[in-house]
Amino acid sequence: MITSDALTSYIRKAMPDAVVSVADRTGTMDHFSITVVSDHFKGKNLMDRHRMVYGALDEPMKDGRIHALEIKAETIDGG
């Protein structure tokens, strides 16, 4: 189990400009839908953007606090 604030903190450590929105999909605090908006994604394809988010969340993914994650990753200009 992990809080939305903790998820946001992990993302912002990797991407300080990130605007993060987190939704708990099941009420169990381990299945999330996350939207990350950051200029760190500029020039990156979808797979690379997702890898960046997974990299930022590596610790809670490995220790089981996150069981499932749906990711939307965009640049600030909507790209």
N, C-alpha and C. Protein backbone atom coordinates (compact mmCIF):
# COMPACT_ATOMS: atom_id res chain seq x y z
N MET A 1 0.84 -1.17 0.00
CA MET A 1 0.00 0.00 0.00
C MET A 1 0.89 1.25 0.00
N ILE A 2 0.52 2.23 -0.84
CA ILE A 2 1.27 3.48 -0.94
C ILE A 2 0.27 4.61 -1.18
N THR A 3 0.57 5.78 -0.67
CA THR A 3 -0.33 6.91 -0.82
C THR A 3 -0.08 7.65 -2.13
N SER A 4 -1.05 8.42 -2.55
CA SER A 4 -0.90 9.26 -3.73
C SER A 4 0.22 10.27 -3.54
N ASP A 5 0.32 10.81 -2.33
CA ASP A 5 1.39 11.78 -2.05
C ASP A 5 2.77 11.14 -2.20
N ALA A 6 2.91 9.91 -1.75
CA ALA A 6 4.20 9.22 -1.87
C ALA A 6 4.53 8.96 -3.34
N LEU A 7 3.53 8.55 -4.13
CA LEU A 7 3.75 8.33 -5.56
C LEU A 7 4.21 9.62 -6.22
N THR A 8 3.52 10.70 -5.90
CA THR A 8 3.87 12.00 -6.47
C THR A 8 5.30 12.38 -6.09
N SER A 9 5.69 12.13 -4.87
CA SER A 9 7.04 12.44 -4.41
C SER A 9 8.09 11.67 -5.21
N TYR A 10 7.86 10.38 -5.44
CA TYR A 10 8.80 9.59 -6.23
C TYR A 10 8.95 10.16 -7.64
N ILE A 11 7.83 10.53 -8.26
CA ILE A 11 7.87 11.08 -9.62
C ILE A 11 8.63 12.41 -9.62
N ARG A 12 8.35 13.26 -8.66
CA ARG A 12 8.98 14.59 -8.63
C ARG A 12 10.46 14.54 -8.31
N LYS A 13 10.92 13.48 -7.66
CA LYS A 13 12.36 13.33 -7.45
C LYS A 13 13.06 13.15 -8.80
N ALA A 14 12.42 12.42 -9.70
CA ALA A 14 13.00 12.17 -11.02
C ALA A 14 12.71 13.30 -12.00
N MET A 15 11.55 13.93 -11.86
CA MET A 15 11.11 14.99 -12.78
C MET A 15 10.52 16.13 -11.95
N PRO A 16 11.36 17.04 -11.47
CA PRO A 16 10.90 18.08 -10.55
C PRO A 16 9.78 18.97 -11.10
N ASP A 17 9.68 19.11 -12.42
CA ASP A 17 8.63 19.96 -13.00
C ASP A 17 7.30 19.23 -13.17
N ALA A 18 7.24 17.97 -12.82
CA ALA A 18 6.07 17.14 -13.10
C ALA A 18 4.82 17.60 -12.37
N VAL A 19 3.72 17.57 -13.12
CA VAL A 19 2.40 17.71 -12.54
C VAL A 19 1.83 16.30 -12.54
N VAL A 20 1.47 15.81 -11.37
CA VAL A 20 1.10 14.40 -11.22
C VAL A 20 -0.33 14.30 -10.71
N SER A 21 -1.10 13.43 -11.35
CA SER A 21 -2.46 13.12 -10.91
C SER A 21 -2.54 11.61 -10.70
N VAL A 22 -3.03 11.21 -9.54
CA VAL A 22 -3.08 9.79 -9.19
C VAL A 22 -4.51 9.41 -8.83
N ALA A 23 -4.96 8.28 -9.37
CA ALA A 23 -6.27 7.73 -9.00
C ALA A 23 -6.08 6.29 -8.54
N ASP A 24 -6.67 5.97 -7.40
CA ASP A 24 -6.68 4.60 -6.88
C ASP A 24 -7.79 3.86 -7.61
N ARG A 25 -7.45 2.87 -8.42
CA ARG A 25 -8.44 2.22 -9.29
C ARG A 25 -9.32 1.20 -8.58
N THR A 26 -8.87 0.66 -7.44
CA THR A 26 -9.64 -0.41 -6.81
C THR A 26 -9.98 -0.16 -5.35
N GLY A 27 -9.45 0.91 -4.77
CA GLY A 27 -9.67 1.17 -3.36
C GLY A 27 -8.72 0.43 -2.44
N THR A 28 -7.75 -0.27 -3.01
CA THR A 28 -6.80 -1.06 -2.22
C THR A 28 -5.44 -0.37 -2.09
N MET A 29 -5.29 0.80 -2.71
CA MET A 29 -4.05 1.58 -2.67
C MET A 29 -2.84 0.81 -3.21
N ASP A 30 -3.08 -0.05 -4.22
CA ASP A 30 -1.96 -0.70 -4.90
C ASP A 30 -2.20 -0.84 -6.40
N HIS A 31 -3.36 -0.41 -6.89
CA HIS A 31 -3.69 -0.39 -8.31
C HIS A 31 -4.00 1.07 -8.67
N PHE A 32 -3.15 1.66 -9.53
CA PHE A 32 -3.27 3.09 -9.79
C PHE A 32 -3.36 3.43 -11.26
N SER A 33 -4.01 4.55 -11.51
CA SER A 33 -3.96 5.21 -12.80
C SER A 33 -3.24 6.53 -12.52
N ILE A 34 -2.17 6.80 -13.26
CA ILE A 34 -1.36 7.99 -12.98
C ILE A 34 -1.16 8.77 -14.28
N THR A 35 -1.30 10.08 -14.17
CA THR A 35 -1.01 10.98 -15.28
C THR A 35 0.16 11.85 -14.85
N VAL A 36 1.18 11.89 -15.69
CA VAL A 36 2.36 12.69 -15.41
C VAL A 36 2.56 13.64 -16.58
N VAL A 37 2.62 14.94 -16.28
CA VAL A 37 2.86 15.96 -17.30
C VAL A 37 4.21 16.60 -16.97
N SER A 38 5.15 16.50 -17.91
CA SER A 38 6.50 17.00 -17.66
C SER A 38 7.22 17.28 -18.98
N ASP A 39 8.00 18.34 -19.00
CA ASP A 39 8.82 18.61 -20.18
C ASP A 39 9.98 17.63 -20.31
N HIS A 40 10.23 16.82 -19.29
CA HIS A 40 11.25 15.77 -19.40
C HIS A 40 10.88 14.75 -20.48
N PHE A 41 9.61 14.71 -20.88
CA PHE A 41 9.16 13.77 -21.90
C PHE A 41 9.38 14.27 -23.33
N LYS A 42 9.76 15.54 -23.49
CA LYS A 42 9.95 16.09 -24.84
C LYS A 42 10.93 15.25 -25.64
N GLY A 43 10.54 14.91 -26.85
CA GLY A 43 11.39 14.14 -27.74
C GLY A 43 11.42 12.65 -27.44
N LYS A 44 10.65 12.21 -26.46
CA LYS A 44 10.61 10.80 -26.08
C LYS A 44 9.36 10.14 -26.65
N ASN A 45 9.50 8.89 -27.10
CA ASN A 45 8.32 8.17 -27.57
C ASN A 45 7.55 7.60 -26.36
N LEU A 46 6.41 7.01 -26.62
CA LEU A 46 5.55 6.50 -25.55
C LEU A 46 6.25 5.49 -24.66
N MET A 47 6.97 4.56 -25.24
CA MET A 47 7.67 3.54 -24.45
C MET A 47 8.74 4.17 -23.55
N ASP A 48 9.48 5.12 -24.08
CA ASP A 48 10.51 5.78 -23.28
C ASP A 48 9.88 6.59 -22.14
N ARG A 49 8.76 7.22 -22.40
CA ARG A 49 8.06 7.96 -21.35
C ARG A 49 7.62 7.02 -20.23
N HIS A 50 7.05 5.89 -20.61
CA HIS A 50 6.61 4.91 -19.61
C HIS A 50 7.81 4.36 -18.84
N ARG A 51 8.92 4.11 -19.52
CA ARG A 51 10.12 3.64 -18.83
C ARG A 51 10.60 4.66 -17.80
N MET A 52 10.49 5.94 -18.13
CA MET A 52 10.89 6.99 -17.20
C MET A 52 10.02 6.97 -15.94
N VAL A 53 8.72 6.78 -16.13
CA VAL A 53 7.81 6.72 -14.98
C VAL A 53 8.09 5.46 -14.16
N TYR A 54 8.22 4.32 -14.83
CA TYR A 54 8.54 3.09 -14.11
C TYR A 54 9.88 3.21 -13.37
N GLY A 55 10.85 3.88 -13.98
CA GLY A 55 12.13 4.10 -13.33
C GLY A 55 11.99 4.92 -12.06
N ALA A 56 11.17 5.96 -12.13
CA ALA A 56 10.94 6.81 -10.95
C ALA A 56 10.25 6.04 -9.84
N LEU A 57 9.43 5.07 -10.22
CA LEU A 57 8.65 4.29 -9.24
C LEU A 57 9.24 2.90 -8.99
N ASP A 58 10.52 2.74 -9.32
CA ASP A 58 11.17 1.44 -9.21
C ASP A 58 11.06 0.82 -7.81
N GLU A 59 11.35 1.60 -6.78
CA GLU A 59 11.33 1.06 -5.41
C GLU A 59 9.95 0.53 -5.01
N PRO A 60 8.88 1.33 -5.12
CA PRO A 60 7.58 0.78 -4.72
C PRO A 60 7.05 -0.30 -5.66
N MET A 61 7.54 -0.34 -6.90
CA MET A 61 7.15 -1.44 -7.80
C MET A 61 7.82 -2.73 -7.34
N LYS A 62 9.11 -2.66 -7.01
CA LYS A 62 9.85 -3.86 -6.61
C LYS A 62 9.43 -4.40 -5.25
N ASP A 63 9.08 -3.50 -4.32
CA ASP A 63 8.72 -4.00 -2.99
C ASP A 63 7.24 -4.35 -2.86
N GLY A 64 6.48 -4.20 -3.96
CA GLY A 64 5.09 -4.65 -3.98
C GLY A 64 4.05 -3.64 -3.54
N ARG A 65 4.47 -2.41 -3.20
CA ARG A 65 3.48 -1.41 -2.81
C ARG A 65 2.60 -1.01 -3.99
N ILE A 66 3.15 -1.13 -5.21
CA ILE A 66 2.36 -0.90 -6.42
C ILE A 66 2.22 -2.24 -7.11
N HIS A 67 0.99 -2.66 -7.30
CA HIS A 67 0.74 -3.94 -7.96
C HIS A 67 0.43 -3.74 -9.45
N ALA A 68 -0.33 -2.69 -9.76
CA ALA A 68 -0.69 -2.40 -11.15
C ALA A 68 -0.66 -0.90 -11.37
N LEU A 69 -0.24 -0.50 -12.58
CA LEU A 69 -0.08 0.91 -12.87
C LEU A 69 -0.49 1.19 -14.31
N GLU A 70 -1.43 2.10 -14.47
CA GLU A 70 -1.82 2.60 -15.79
C GLU A 70 -1.23 3.99 -15.92
N ILE A 71 -0.48 4.24 -17.00
CA ILE A 71 0.28 5.48 -17.13
C ILE A 71 -0.20 6.30 -18.33
N LYS A 72 -0.34 7.59 -18.09
CA LYS A 72 -0.51 8.57 -19.16
C LYS A 72 0.60 9.57 -18.95
N ALA A 73 1.47 9.75 -19.95
CA ALA A 73 2.64 10.63 -19.84
C ALA A 73 2.64 11.63 -20.98
N GLU A 74 2.58 12.91 -20.63
CA GLU A 74 2.48 13.96 -21.62
C GLU A 74 3.48 15.08 -21.32
N THR A 75 3.76 15.89 -22.37
CA THR A 75 4.54 17.09 -22.15
C THR A 75 3.59 18.21 -21.75
N ILE A 76 4.16 19.30 -21.26
CA ILE A 76 3.34 20.42 -20.81
C ILE A 76 2.52 21.01 -21.95
N ASP A 77 3.04 20.98 -23.16
CA ASP A 77 2.29 21.51 -24.30
C ASP A 77 1.29 20.51 -24.88
N GLY A 78 1.10 19.39 -24.20
CA GLY A 78 0.09 18.42 -24.61
C GLY A 78 0.59 17.31 -25.51
N GLY A 79 1.86 17.30 -25.80
CA GLY A 79 2.42 16.29 -26.69
C GLY A 79 2.73 14.99 -26.03
